[in-house]
Amino acid sequence: MPQPLSSLEAFTSNIRPILEYACFVLSPQTAKNSLLINSIQPKFVKAIFARCGVPFSRYNCSLSCINASTLSKRRVVASLIITYNIFNSKVNIRPQTRFAPSPTSSRG
């Protein structure tokens, strides 16, 4: 009987990179698109658990069992990492070209 973790490698090496490609640039702009992208991983996780004969209770519990994160959380982390790298000059992009201060005061 296959183990969920070994079956998950097929997803993490073949499918998830396509879903996460340039996520900080190609981030889903609508809730509908976000739901579409996010719906792929739960289906795959459920199929892995079924194939391995492991009961699938809830998606978040299943992710904990296989030590994985949701795609939306991974997109947020990737966006934060690239933003940090831009502001700390770890990539060859000037922050002024990508980020602009608000023209109005946000306080008072």
N, C-alpha and C. Protein backbone atom coordinates (compact mmCIF):
# COMPACT_ATOMS: atom_id res chain seq x y z
N MET A 1 0.85 -1.18 0.00
CA MET A 1 0.00 0.00 0.00
C MET A 1 0.90 1.24 0.00
N PRO A 2 0.72 2.15 -0.95
CA PRO A 2 1.55 3.35 -1.00
C PRO A 2 1.31 4.27 0.19
N GLN A 3 2.32 5.01 0.55
CA GLN A 3 2.23 5.97 1.64
C GLN A 3 1.85 7.34 1.10
N PRO A 4 1.05 8.11 1.85
CA PRO A 4 0.65 9.44 1.36
C PRO A 4 1.83 10.35 1.04
N LEU A 5 2.88 10.29 1.86
CA LEU A 5 4.01 11.20 1.63
C LEU A 5 4.73 10.90 0.33
N SER A 6 4.89 9.62 0.01
CA SER A 6 5.58 9.30 -1.25
C SER A 6 4.70 9.65 -2.45
N SER A 7 3.40 9.48 -2.31
CA SER A 7 2.49 9.86 -3.40
C SER A 7 2.41 11.37 -3.55
N LEU A 8 2.59 12.09 -2.46
CA LEU A 8 2.54 13.55 -2.50
C LEU A 8 3.70 14.12 -3.30
N GLU A 9 4.81 13.38 -3.38
CA GLU A 9 5.97 13.87 -4.13
C GLU A 9 5.62 14.12 -5.59
N ALA A 10 4.72 13.33 -6.16
CA ALA A 10 4.30 13.55 -7.55
C ALA A 10 3.62 14.91 -7.69
N PHE A 11 2.81 15.26 -6.72
CA PHE A 11 2.13 16.56 -6.75
C PHE A 11 3.12 17.70 -6.54
N THR A 12 3.98 17.56 -5.52
CA THR A 12 4.88 18.66 -5.19
C THR A 12 5.96 18.87 -6.24
N SER A 13 6.30 17.85 -7.00
CA SER A 13 7.35 18.01 -8.00
C SER A 13 6.81 18.29 -9.40
N ASN A 14 5.57 17.91 -9.69
CA ASN A 14 5.04 18.07 -11.05
C ASN A 14 3.92 19.09 -11.19
N ILE A 15 3.02 19.16 -10.23
CA ILE A 15 1.82 19.99 -10.38
C ILE A 15 1.94 21.31 -9.62
N ARG A 16 2.37 21.25 -8.37
CA ARG A 16 2.42 22.47 -7.57
C ARG A 16 3.34 23.54 -8.16
N PRO A 17 4.49 23.21 -8.75
CA PRO A 17 5.30 24.27 -9.37
C PRO A 17 4.56 25.03 -10.47
N ILE A 18 3.71 24.35 -11.20
CA ILE A 18 2.93 25.02 -12.25
C ILE A 18 1.92 25.98 -11.61
N LEU A 19 1.29 25.55 -10.53
CA LEU A 19 0.30 26.39 -9.85
C LEU A 19 0.94 27.60 -9.16
N GLU A 20 2.21 27.46 -8.76
CA GLU A 20 2.88 28.53 -8.04
C GLU A 20 3.80 29.37 -8.91
N TYR A 21 3.88 29.06 -10.19
CA TYR A 21 4.81 29.77 -11.07
C TYR A 21 4.53 31.27 -11.04
N ALA A 22 5.54 32.03 -10.68
CA ALA A 22 5.47 33.50 -10.65
C ALA A 22 4.22 34.00 -9.92
N CYS A 23 3.92 33.39 -8.79
CA CYS A 23 2.68 33.72 -8.08
C CYS A 23 2.62 35.17 -7.62
N PHE A 24 3.76 35.80 -7.40
CA PHE A 24 3.74 37.20 -6.97
C PHE A 24 3.46 38.13 -8.13
N VAL A 25 3.58 37.65 -9.36
CA VAL A 25 3.26 38.45 -10.54
C VAL A 25 1.88 38.06 -11.08
N LEU A 26 1.63 36.76 -11.14
CA LEU A 26 0.39 36.24 -11.72
C LEU A 26 -0.63 35.86 -10.66
N SER A 27 -0.65 36.57 -9.56
CA SER A 27 -1.58 36.26 -8.48
C SER A 27 -3.01 36.36 -8.98
N PRO A 28 -3.87 35.43 -8.57
CA PRO A 28 -5.27 35.49 -9.02
C PRO A 28 -5.91 36.80 -8.58
N GLN A 29 -6.53 37.48 -9.52
CA GLN A 29 -7.08 38.81 -9.25
C GLN A 29 -8.51 38.77 -8.73
N THR A 30 -9.21 37.67 -8.91
CA THR A 30 -10.58 37.59 -8.43
C THR A 30 -10.72 36.41 -7.48
N ALA A 31 -11.74 36.46 -6.65
CA ALA A 31 -11.99 35.35 -5.72
C ALA A 31 -12.28 34.07 -6.48
N LYS A 32 -12.96 34.19 -7.62
CA LYS A 32 -13.29 33.02 -8.43
C LYS A 32 -12.01 32.33 -8.91
N ASN A 33 -11.05 33.11 -9.42
CA ASN A 33 -9.80 32.53 -9.89
C ASN A 33 -9.00 31.93 -8.74
N SER A 34 -9.02 32.59 -7.60
CA SER A 34 -8.32 32.06 -6.43
C SER A 34 -8.93 30.73 -6.00
N LEU A 35 -10.25 30.66 -5.98
CA LEU A 35 -10.92 29.40 -5.63
C LEU A 35 -10.60 28.30 -6.63
N LEU A 36 -10.54 28.66 -7.91
CA LEU A 36 -10.20 27.66 -8.93
C LEU A 36 -8.82 27.08 -8.70
N ILE A 37 -7.84 27.94 -8.47
CA ILE A 37 -6.48 27.47 -8.23
C ILE A 37 -6.41 26.67 -6.94
N ASN A 38 -7.05 27.18 -5.89
CA ASN A 38 -6.99 26.51 -4.59
C ASN A 38 -7.76 25.20 -4.57
N SER A 39 -8.66 24.97 -5.50
CA SER A 39 -9.46 23.73 -5.50
C SER A 39 -8.67 22.53 -6.01
N ILE A 40 -7.55 22.77 -6.66
CA ILE A 40 -6.79 21.66 -7.24
C ILE A 40 -6.11 20.83 -6.16
N GLN A 41 -5.46 21.47 -5.20
CA GLN A 41 -4.73 20.73 -4.17
C GLN A 41 -5.63 19.86 -3.31
N PRO A 42 -6.80 20.33 -2.82
CA PRO A 42 -7.64 19.45 -2.00
C PRO A 42 -8.07 18.19 -2.75
N LYS A 43 -8.37 18.33 -4.03
CA LYS A 43 -8.76 17.16 -4.82
C LYS A 43 -7.61 16.17 -4.91
N PHE A 44 -6.42 16.67 -5.11
CA PHE A 44 -5.26 15.80 -5.23
C PHE A 44 -4.95 15.13 -3.89
N VAL A 45 -5.02 15.89 -2.80
CA VAL A 45 -4.76 15.33 -1.47
C VAL A 45 -5.79 14.24 -1.15
N LYS A 46 -7.05 14.50 -1.47
CA LYS A 46 -8.09 13.50 -1.23
C LYS A 46 -7.84 12.24 -2.05
N ALA A 47 -7.41 12.41 -3.29
CA ALA A 47 -7.11 11.25 -4.14
C ALA A 47 -5.92 10.46 -3.60
N ILE A 48 -4.91 11.15 -3.09
CA ILE A 48 -3.75 10.47 -2.51
C ILE A 48 -4.18 9.65 -1.31
N PHE A 49 -4.98 10.24 -0.43
CA PHE A 49 -5.43 9.52 0.75
C PHE A 49 -6.28 8.31 0.36
N ALA A 50 -7.15 8.47 -0.62
CA ALA A 50 -7.99 7.34 -1.07
C ALA A 50 -7.12 6.23 -1.66
N ARG A 51 -6.15 6.61 -2.46
CA ARG A 51 -5.27 5.62 -3.09
C ARG A 51 -4.46 4.84 -2.06
N CYS A 52 -4.12 5.52 -0.96
CA CYS A 52 -3.32 4.89 0.08
C CYS A 52 -4.17 4.20 1.14
N GLY A 53 -5.49 4.31 1.02
CA GLY A 53 -6.37 3.68 1.99
C GLY A 53 -6.42 4.39 3.33
N VAL A 54 -6.06 5.66 3.33
CA VAL A 54 -6.08 6.46 4.56
C VAL A 54 -7.37 7.27 4.56
N PRO A 55 -8.13 7.25 5.66
CA PRO A 55 -9.37 8.03 5.68
C PRO A 55 -9.09 9.53 5.58
N PHE A 56 -9.87 10.19 4.76
CA PHE A 56 -9.75 11.64 4.55
C PHE A 56 -10.82 12.30 5.38
N SER A 57 -10.43 13.02 6.44
CA SER A 57 -11.43 13.65 7.29
C SER A 57 -11.72 15.07 6.83
N ARG A 58 -10.80 15.96 7.07
CA ARG A 58 -10.95 17.36 6.64
C ARG A 58 -9.66 17.76 5.94
N TYR A 59 -9.79 18.70 5.04
CA TYR A 59 -8.64 19.12 4.23
C TYR A 59 -7.50 19.64 5.10
N ASN A 60 -7.80 20.54 6.05
CA ASN A 60 -6.75 21.11 6.89
C ASN A 60 -6.08 20.06 7.76
N CYS A 61 -6.86 19.11 8.27
CA CYS A 61 -6.27 18.01 9.06
C CYS A 61 -5.38 17.14 8.18
N SER A 62 -5.84 16.88 6.97
CA SER A 62 -5.05 16.07 6.04
C SER A 62 -3.75 16.77 5.69
N LEU A 63 -3.79 18.09 5.50
CA LEU A 63 -2.56 18.84 5.22
C LEU A 63 -1.59 18.73 6.39
N SER A 64 -2.11 18.77 7.61
CA SER A 64 -1.25 18.63 8.78
C SER A 64 -0.57 17.27 8.81
N CYS A 65 -1.31 16.24 8.42
CA CYS A 65 -0.76 14.88 8.41
C CYS A 65 0.41 14.75 7.44
N ILE A 66 0.35 15.46 6.34
CA ILE A 66 1.41 15.35 5.34
C ILE A 66 2.37 16.55 5.39
N ASN A 67 2.22 17.38 6.42
CA ASN A 67 3.09 18.53 6.64
C ASN A 67 3.13 19.45 5.42
N ALA A 68 1.96 19.86 4.96
CA ALA A 68 1.85 20.73 3.79
C ALA A 68 1.04 21.97 4.16
N SER A 69 1.12 22.98 3.30
CA SER A 69 0.36 24.22 3.48
C SER A 69 -0.61 24.39 2.33
N THR A 70 -1.61 25.23 2.55
CA THR A 70 -2.54 25.53 1.46
C THR A 70 -1.81 26.35 0.40
N LEU A 71 -2.32 26.29 -0.82
CA LEU A 71 -1.70 27.04 -1.91
C LEU A 71 -1.80 28.54 -1.66
N SER A 72 -2.90 29.00 -1.09
CA SER A 72 -3.04 30.43 -0.83
C SER A 72 -2.01 30.90 0.20
N LYS A 73 -1.76 30.09 1.22
CA LYS A 73 -0.75 30.44 2.21
C LYS A 73 0.64 30.46 1.57
N ARG A 74 0.91 29.51 0.70
CA ARG A 74 2.21 29.47 0.02
C ARG A 74 2.39 30.69 -0.89
N ARG A 75 1.30 31.15 -1.53
CA ARG A 75 1.38 32.35 -2.37
C ARG A 75 1.70 33.58 -1.53
N VAL A 76 1.08 33.69 -0.36
CA VAL A 76 1.34 34.82 0.53
C VAL A 76 2.80 34.81 0.97
N VAL A 77 3.30 33.65 1.38
CA VAL A 77 4.69 33.54 1.82
C VAL A 77 5.64 33.90 0.69
N ALA A 78 5.39 33.40 -0.52
CA ALA A 78 6.25 33.71 -1.66
C ALA A 78 6.24 35.21 -1.96
N SER A 79 5.08 35.84 -1.86
CA SER A 79 4.99 37.29 -2.10
C SER A 79 5.75 38.07 -1.03
N LEU A 80 5.64 37.64 0.22
CA LEU A 80 6.38 38.30 1.29
C LEU A 80 7.89 38.14 1.11
N ILE A 81 8.31 36.97 0.69
CA ILE A 81 9.74 36.73 0.48
C ILE A 81 10.28 37.61 -0.64
N ILE A 82 9.58 37.69 -1.76
CA ILE A 82 10.08 38.52 -2.86
C ILE A 82 10.05 39.99 -2.48
N THR A 83 9.04 40.43 -1.72
CA THR A 83 8.99 41.82 -1.27
C THR A 83 10.17 42.12 -0.34
N TYR A 84 10.43 41.23 0.58
CA TYR A 84 11.59 41.38 1.48
C TYR A 84 12.88 41.47 0.67
N ASN A 85 13.03 40.57 -0.29
CA ASN A 85 14.25 40.56 -1.11
C ASN A 85 14.40 41.84 -1.93
N ILE A 86 13.31 42.39 -2.41
CA ILE A 86 13.37 43.65 -3.17
C ILE A 86 13.81 44.79 -2.25
N PHE A 87 13.19 44.91 -1.08
CA PHE A 87 13.50 46.02 -0.18
C PHE A 87 14.87 45.90 0.48
N ASN A 88 15.43 44.70 0.51
CA ASN A 88 16.74 44.50 1.10
C ASN A 88 17.82 44.27 0.05
N SER A 89 17.53 44.68 -1.18
CA SER A 89 18.50 44.66 -2.29
C SER A 89 19.10 43.28 -2.54
N LYS A 90 18.31 42.26 -2.35
CA LYS A 90 18.78 40.91 -2.64
C LYS A 90 18.48 40.50 -4.07
N VAL A 91 17.68 41.29 -4.75
CA VAL A 91 17.43 41.12 -6.19
C VAL A 91 17.71 42.47 -6.85
N ASN A 92 18.00 42.45 -8.12
CA ASN A 92 18.41 43.66 -8.83
C ASN A 92 17.19 44.44 -9.33
N ILE A 93 16.36 44.88 -8.39
CA ILE A 93 15.18 45.70 -8.69
C ILE A 93 15.15 46.83 -7.67
N ARG A 94 14.98 48.04 -8.13
CA ARG A 94 14.84 49.17 -7.20
C ARG A 94 13.41 49.19 -6.68
N PRO A 95 13.20 49.26 -5.37
CA PRO A 95 11.84 49.28 -4.82
C PRO A 95 10.99 50.41 -5.37
N GLN A 96 11.61 51.55 -5.70
CA GLN A 96 10.86 52.71 -6.18
C GLN A 96 10.16 52.42 -7.50
N THR A 97 10.67 51.47 -8.27
CA THR A 97 10.04 51.15 -9.55
C THR A 97 8.82 50.25 -9.39
N ARG A 98 8.69 49.59 -8.26
CA ARG A 98 7.58 48.66 -8.05
C ARG A 98 6.61 49.08 -6.96
N PHE A 99 7.07 49.91 -6.04
CA PHE A 99 6.25 50.32 -4.91
C PHE A 99 6.24 51.84 -4.83
N ALA A 100 5.08 52.41 -4.64
CA ALA A 100 4.97 53.87 -4.53
C ALA A 100 4.22 54.21 -3.25
N PRO A 101 4.65 55.25 -2.55
CA PRO A 101 3.90 55.65 -1.35
C PRO A 101 2.53 56.19 -1.74
N SER A 102 1.62 56.06 -0.83
CA SER A 102 0.27 56.54 -1.05
C SER A 102 0.29 58.06 -1.19
N PRO A 103 -0.43 58.62 -2.18
CA PRO A 103 -0.43 60.07 -2.35
C PRO A 103 -1.18 60.80 -1.24
N THR A 104 -2.01 60.09 -0.50
CA THR A 104 -2.75 60.72 0.60
C THR A 104 -2.26 60.14 1.91
N SER A 105 -2.43 60.91 2.95
CA SER A 105 -2.05 60.46 4.28
C SER A 105 -3.04 59.40 4.75
N SER A 106 -2.52 58.34 5.34
CA SER A 106 -3.42 57.29 5.81
C SER A 106 -3.89 57.55 7.24
N ARG A 107 -3.27 58.51 7.91
CA ARG A 107 -3.67 58.82 9.28
C ARG A 107 -3.94 60.31 9.40
N GLY A 108 -4.99 60.63 10.15
CA GLY A 108 -5.32 61.98 10.51
C GLY A 108 -5.50 62.89 9.40
